[in-house]
Amino acid sequence: MEKPTKRSNRELGDPGDTKTGGLFIPKTLAIGLILFLSIAFVRHLVLTLPFPYPVEYGEGVVAGWIEHLGHGLELYPQSSGSGYWV
């Protein structure tokens, strides 16, 4: 029977050693996420800054209500009365 040998941290994949893959994947994912969110933020700024007024995401609903009221329609669709089955 062979006696177990002691392995070095380098052979076992030391968590602090990025060359053996210890923290390489989490760091890469974190950097990738930060990069993605930064690009999404800049894209959002570029698309919303040219507007001369503040962007209000609820204004589409209000515009729909005004249009329905102007045509004499109801604000909400008729309910079927059956409700939800649980």
N, C-alpha and C. Protein backbone atom coordinates (compact mmCIF):
# COMPACT_ATOMS: atom_id res chain seq x y z
N MET A 1 0.84 -1.16 0.00
CA MET A 1 0.00 0.00 0.00
C MET A 1 0.89 1.24 0.00
N GLU A 2 0.56 2.20 -0.90
CA GLU A 2 1.37 3.42 -1.00
C GLU A 2 0.98 4.43 0.06
N LYS A 3 1.97 5.10 0.52
CA LYS A 3 1.74 6.14 1.50
C LYS A 3 1.30 7.42 0.77
N PRO A 4 0.20 8.07 1.24
CA PRO A 4 -0.24 9.30 0.55
C PRO A 4 0.82 10.39 0.67
N THR A 5 1.02 11.08 -0.44
CA THR A 5 2.01 12.16 -0.44
C THR A 5 1.30 13.50 -0.24
N LYS A 6 2.03 14.39 0.34
CA LYS A 6 1.47 15.71 0.57
C LYS A 6 1.61 16.50 -0.73
N ARG A 7 0.50 17.10 -1.15
CA ARG A 7 0.52 17.90 -2.38
C ARG A 7 0.62 19.38 -2.04
N SER A 8 1.24 20.08 -2.94
CA SER A 8 1.38 21.52 -2.73
C SER A 8 0.08 22.23 -3.13
N ASN A 9 -0.07 23.46 -2.69
CA ASN A 9 -1.24 24.24 -3.05
C ASN A 9 -1.32 24.45 -4.56
N ARG A 10 -0.17 24.51 -5.20
CA ARG A 10 -0.16 24.71 -6.65
C ARG A 10 -0.79 23.52 -7.36
N GLU A 11 -0.53 22.32 -6.90
CA GLU A 11 -1.10 21.12 -7.52
C GLU A 11 -2.60 21.01 -7.25
N LEU A 12 -3.03 21.49 -6.09
CA LEU A 12 -4.44 21.36 -5.71
C LEU A 12 -5.31 22.49 -6.26
N GLY A 13 -4.70 23.51 -6.82
CA GLY A 13 -5.48 24.62 -7.33
C GLY A 13 -5.76 25.64 -6.24
N ASP A 14 -4.75 26.31 -5.80
CA ASP A 14 -4.88 27.33 -4.76
C ASP A 14 -5.92 28.37 -5.19
N PRO A 15 -6.91 28.67 -4.33
CA PRO A 15 -7.96 29.62 -4.71
C PRO A 15 -7.42 31.00 -5.06
N GLY A 16 -6.29 31.37 -4.52
CA GLY A 16 -5.73 32.68 -4.83
C GLY A 16 -4.87 32.70 -6.08
N ASP A 17 -4.60 31.54 -6.64
CA ASP A 17 -3.73 31.45 -7.81
C ASP A 17 -4.60 31.47 -9.06
N THR A 18 -4.54 32.56 -9.79
CA THR A 18 -5.39 32.69 -10.98
C THR A 18 -4.90 31.83 -12.14
N LYS A 19 -3.66 31.39 -12.11
CA LYS A 19 -3.14 30.57 -13.21
C LYS A 19 -3.71 29.16 -13.17
N THR A 20 -4.07 28.67 -12.00
CA THR A 20 -4.62 27.32 -11.91
C THR A 20 -6.14 27.33 -11.92
N GLY A 21 -6.76 28.48 -12.09
CA GLY A 21 -8.21 28.53 -12.20
C GLY A 21 -8.94 28.81 -10.92
N GLY A 22 -8.22 29.09 -9.83
CA GLY A 22 -8.87 29.31 -8.55
C GLY A 22 -9.94 30.39 -8.59
N LEU A 23 -9.55 31.65 -8.75
CA LEU A 23 -10.49 32.76 -8.79
C LEU A 23 -10.64 33.32 -10.19
N PHE A 24 -10.12 32.63 -11.17
CA PHE A 24 -10.17 33.14 -12.54
C PHE A 24 -11.59 33.25 -13.05
N ILE A 25 -12.40 32.21 -12.87
CA ILE A 25 -13.77 32.21 -13.40
C ILE A 25 -14.65 33.23 -12.67
N PRO A 26 -14.66 33.29 -11.34
CA PRO A 26 -15.49 34.32 -10.69
C PRO A 26 -15.08 35.74 -11.06
N LYS A 27 -13.76 35.99 -11.16
CA LYS A 27 -13.30 37.32 -11.54
C LYS A 27 -13.73 37.64 -12.97
N THR A 28 -13.61 36.67 -13.86
CA THR A 28 -14.00 36.88 -15.24
C THR A 28 -15.49 37.16 -15.35
N LEU A 29 -16.31 36.41 -14.61
CA LEU A 29 -17.75 36.64 -14.63
C LEU A 29 -18.10 38.01 -14.06
N ALA A 30 -17.44 38.41 -12.99
CA ALA A 30 -17.71 39.71 -12.39
C ALA A 30 -17.33 40.85 -13.34
N ILE A 31 -16.18 40.72 -13.97
CA ILE A 31 -15.74 41.74 -14.93
C ILE A 31 -16.68 41.78 -16.12
N GLY A 32 -17.10 40.61 -16.60
CA GLY A 32 -18.04 40.55 -17.72
C GLY A 32 -19.38 41.18 -17.36
N LEU A 33 -19.86 40.93 -16.16
CA LEU A 33 -21.14 41.51 -15.72
C LEU A 33 -21.04 43.02 -15.60
N ILE A 34 -19.94 43.50 -15.01
CA ILE A 34 -19.74 44.95 -14.88
C ILE A 34 -19.65 45.60 -16.26
N LEU A 35 -18.95 44.96 -17.18
CA LEU A 35 -18.84 45.48 -18.54
C LEU A 35 -20.19 45.53 -19.23
N PHE A 36 -20.97 44.45 -19.12
CA PHE A 36 -22.29 44.40 -19.74
C PHE A 36 -23.21 45.48 -19.18
N LEU A 37 -23.24 45.63 -17.84
CA LEU A 37 -24.11 46.62 -17.22
C LEU A 37 -23.67 48.04 -17.56
N SER A 38 -22.38 48.25 -17.69
CA SER A 38 -21.88 49.57 -18.08
C SER A 38 -22.32 49.92 -19.50
N ILE A 39 -22.22 48.96 -20.39
CA ILE A 39 -22.64 49.19 -21.78
C ILE A 39 -24.14 49.43 -21.84
N ALA A 40 -24.93 48.66 -21.08
CA ALA A 40 -26.38 48.85 -21.06
C ALA A 40 -26.74 50.23 -20.51
N PHE A 41 -26.03 50.68 -19.48
CA PHE A 41 -26.29 52.00 -18.90
C PHE A 41 -25.98 53.10 -19.90
N VAL A 42 -24.83 53.01 -20.56
CA VAL A 42 -24.45 54.03 -21.55
C VAL A 42 -25.45 54.04 -22.70
N ARG A 43 -25.88 52.86 -23.14
CA ARG A 43 -26.87 52.78 -24.22
C ARG A 43 -28.17 53.44 -23.80
N HIS A 44 -28.61 53.20 -22.57
CA HIS A 44 -29.83 53.81 -22.07
C HIS A 44 -29.69 55.34 -22.03
N LEU A 45 -28.54 55.82 -21.58
CA LEU A 45 -28.32 57.27 -21.56
C LEU A 45 -28.36 57.87 -22.96
N VAL A 46 -27.71 57.20 -23.90
CA VAL A 46 -27.67 57.71 -25.27
C VAL A 46 -29.07 57.76 -25.87
N LEU A 47 -29.91 56.80 -25.54
CA LEU A 47 -31.25 56.77 -26.11
C LEU A 47 -32.22 57.73 -25.42
N THR A 48 -32.00 58.05 -24.15
CA THR A 48 -32.96 58.89 -23.43
C THR A 48 -32.54 60.35 -23.29
N LEU A 49 -31.26 60.67 -23.37
CA LEU A 49 -30.83 62.05 -23.20
C LEU A 49 -31.30 63.01 -24.29
N PRO A 50 -31.47 62.59 -25.54
CA PRO A 50 -31.90 63.55 -26.57
C PRO A 50 -33.33 64.08 -26.38
N PHE A 51 -34.15 63.43 -25.57
CA PHE A 51 -35.52 63.89 -25.38
C PHE A 51 -35.53 65.20 -24.62
N PRO A 52 -36.34 66.18 -25.07
CA PRO A 52 -36.38 67.47 -24.39
C PRO A 52 -37.23 67.46 -23.11
N TYR A 53 -37.79 66.35 -22.76
CA TYR A 53 -38.64 66.24 -21.57
C TYR A 53 -38.26 64.96 -20.83
N PRO A 54 -38.62 64.88 -19.56
CA PRO A 54 -38.29 63.65 -18.82
C PRO A 54 -39.07 62.45 -19.36
N VAL A 55 -38.43 61.33 -19.42
CA VAL A 55 -39.07 60.12 -19.91
C VAL A 55 -39.95 59.56 -18.80
N GLU A 56 -41.23 59.43 -19.08
CA GLU A 56 -42.18 58.88 -18.12
C GLU A 56 -42.75 57.61 -18.74
N TYR A 57 -42.41 56.47 -18.17
CA TYR A 57 -42.79 55.20 -18.77
C TYR A 57 -44.27 54.89 -18.59
N GLY A 58 -44.98 55.61 -17.72
CA GLY A 58 -46.40 55.37 -17.53
C GLY A 58 -47.28 56.19 -18.46
N GLU A 59 -46.68 57.06 -19.26
CA GLU A 59 -47.50 57.96 -20.08
C GLU A 59 -48.22 57.22 -21.20
N GLY A 60 -47.74 56.08 -21.62
CA GLY A 60 -48.43 55.31 -22.66
C GLY A 60 -49.79 54.82 -22.17
N VAL A 61 -49.86 54.43 -20.91
CA VAL A 61 -51.11 53.96 -20.33
C VAL A 61 -52.11 55.11 -20.25
N VAL A 62 -51.65 56.26 -19.80
CA VAL A 62 -52.51 57.44 -19.68
C VAL A 62 -52.98 57.88 -21.07
N ALA A 63 -52.11 57.84 -22.06
CA ALA A 63 -52.50 58.20 -23.42
C ALA A 63 -53.57 57.23 -23.94
N GLY A 64 -53.44 55.96 -23.60
CA GLY A 64 -54.46 54.98 -24.01
C GLY A 64 -55.80 55.26 -23.35
N TRP A 65 -55.79 55.64 -22.07
CA TRP A 65 -57.04 55.98 -21.38
C TRP A 65 -57.71 57.19 -22.04
N ILE A 66 -56.90 58.21 -22.35
CA ILE A 66 -57.45 59.41 -22.97
C ILE A 66 -58.05 59.09 -24.33
N GLU A 67 -57.37 58.24 -25.09
CA GLU A 67 -57.89 57.86 -26.41
C GLU A 67 -59.21 57.11 -26.26
N HIS A 68 -59.28 56.18 -25.32
CA HIS A 68 -60.53 55.43 -25.10
C HIS A 68 -61.65 56.35 -24.66
N LEU A 69 -61.37 57.27 -23.74
CA LEU A 69 -62.38 58.21 -23.28
C LEU A 69 -62.85 59.11 -24.43
N GLY A 70 -61.92 59.53 -25.28
CA GLY A 70 -62.27 60.39 -26.43
C GLY A 70 -63.19 59.70 -27.42
N HIS A 71 -63.07 58.39 -27.53
CA HIS A 71 -63.92 57.62 -28.45
C HIS A 71 -65.15 57.05 -27.76
N GLY A 72 -65.32 57.38 -26.49
CA GLY A 72 -66.49 56.90 -25.75
C GLY A 72 -66.39 55.43 -25.34
N LEU A 73 -65.21 54.89 -25.29
CA LEU A 73 -65.02 53.50 -24.91
C LEU A 73 -64.72 53.40 -23.41
N GLU A 74 -64.81 52.19 -22.88
CA GLU A 74 -64.47 51.99 -21.47
C GLU A 74 -62.95 51.93 -21.31
N LEU A 75 -62.49 52.29 -20.11
CA LEU A 75 -61.06 52.30 -19.86
C LEU A 75 -60.48 50.89 -19.77
N TYR A 76 -61.23 49.96 -19.23
CA TYR A 76 -60.77 48.60 -19.03
C TYR A 76 -61.64 47.64 -19.82
N PRO A 77 -61.09 46.52 -20.27
CA PRO A 77 -61.91 45.55 -21.00
C PRO A 77 -62.94 44.90 -20.08
N GLN A 78 -64.02 44.43 -20.67
CA GLN A 78 -65.07 43.76 -19.90
C GLN A 78 -64.52 42.46 -19.33
N SER A 79 -64.86 42.20 -18.08
CA SER A 79 -64.44 40.93 -17.49
C SER A 79 -65.44 39.86 -17.87
N SER A 80 -64.95 38.63 -17.96
CA SER A 80 -65.84 37.53 -18.34
C SER A 80 -66.71 37.09 -17.17
N GLY A 81 -66.36 37.52 -15.97
CA GLY A 81 -67.15 37.18 -14.80
C GLY A 81 -66.83 35.81 -14.22
N SER A 82 -66.01 35.02 -14.92
CA SER A 82 -65.73 33.68 -14.42
C SER A 82 -64.63 33.68 -13.36
N GLY A 83 -63.79 34.70 -13.36
CA GLY A 83 -62.72 34.74 -12.37
C GLY A 83 -61.62 33.74 -12.68
N TYR A 84 -60.79 33.53 -11.71
CA TYR A 84 -59.67 32.60 -11.87
C TYR A 84 -59.98 31.29 -11.20
N TRP A 85 -59.52 30.21 -11.81
CA TRP A 85 -59.64 28.90 -11.22
C TRP A 85 -58.34 28.60 -10.50
N VAL A 86 -58.44 28.17 -9.27
CA VAL A 86 -57.24 27.86 -8.50
C VAL A 86 -57.17 26.38 -8.26
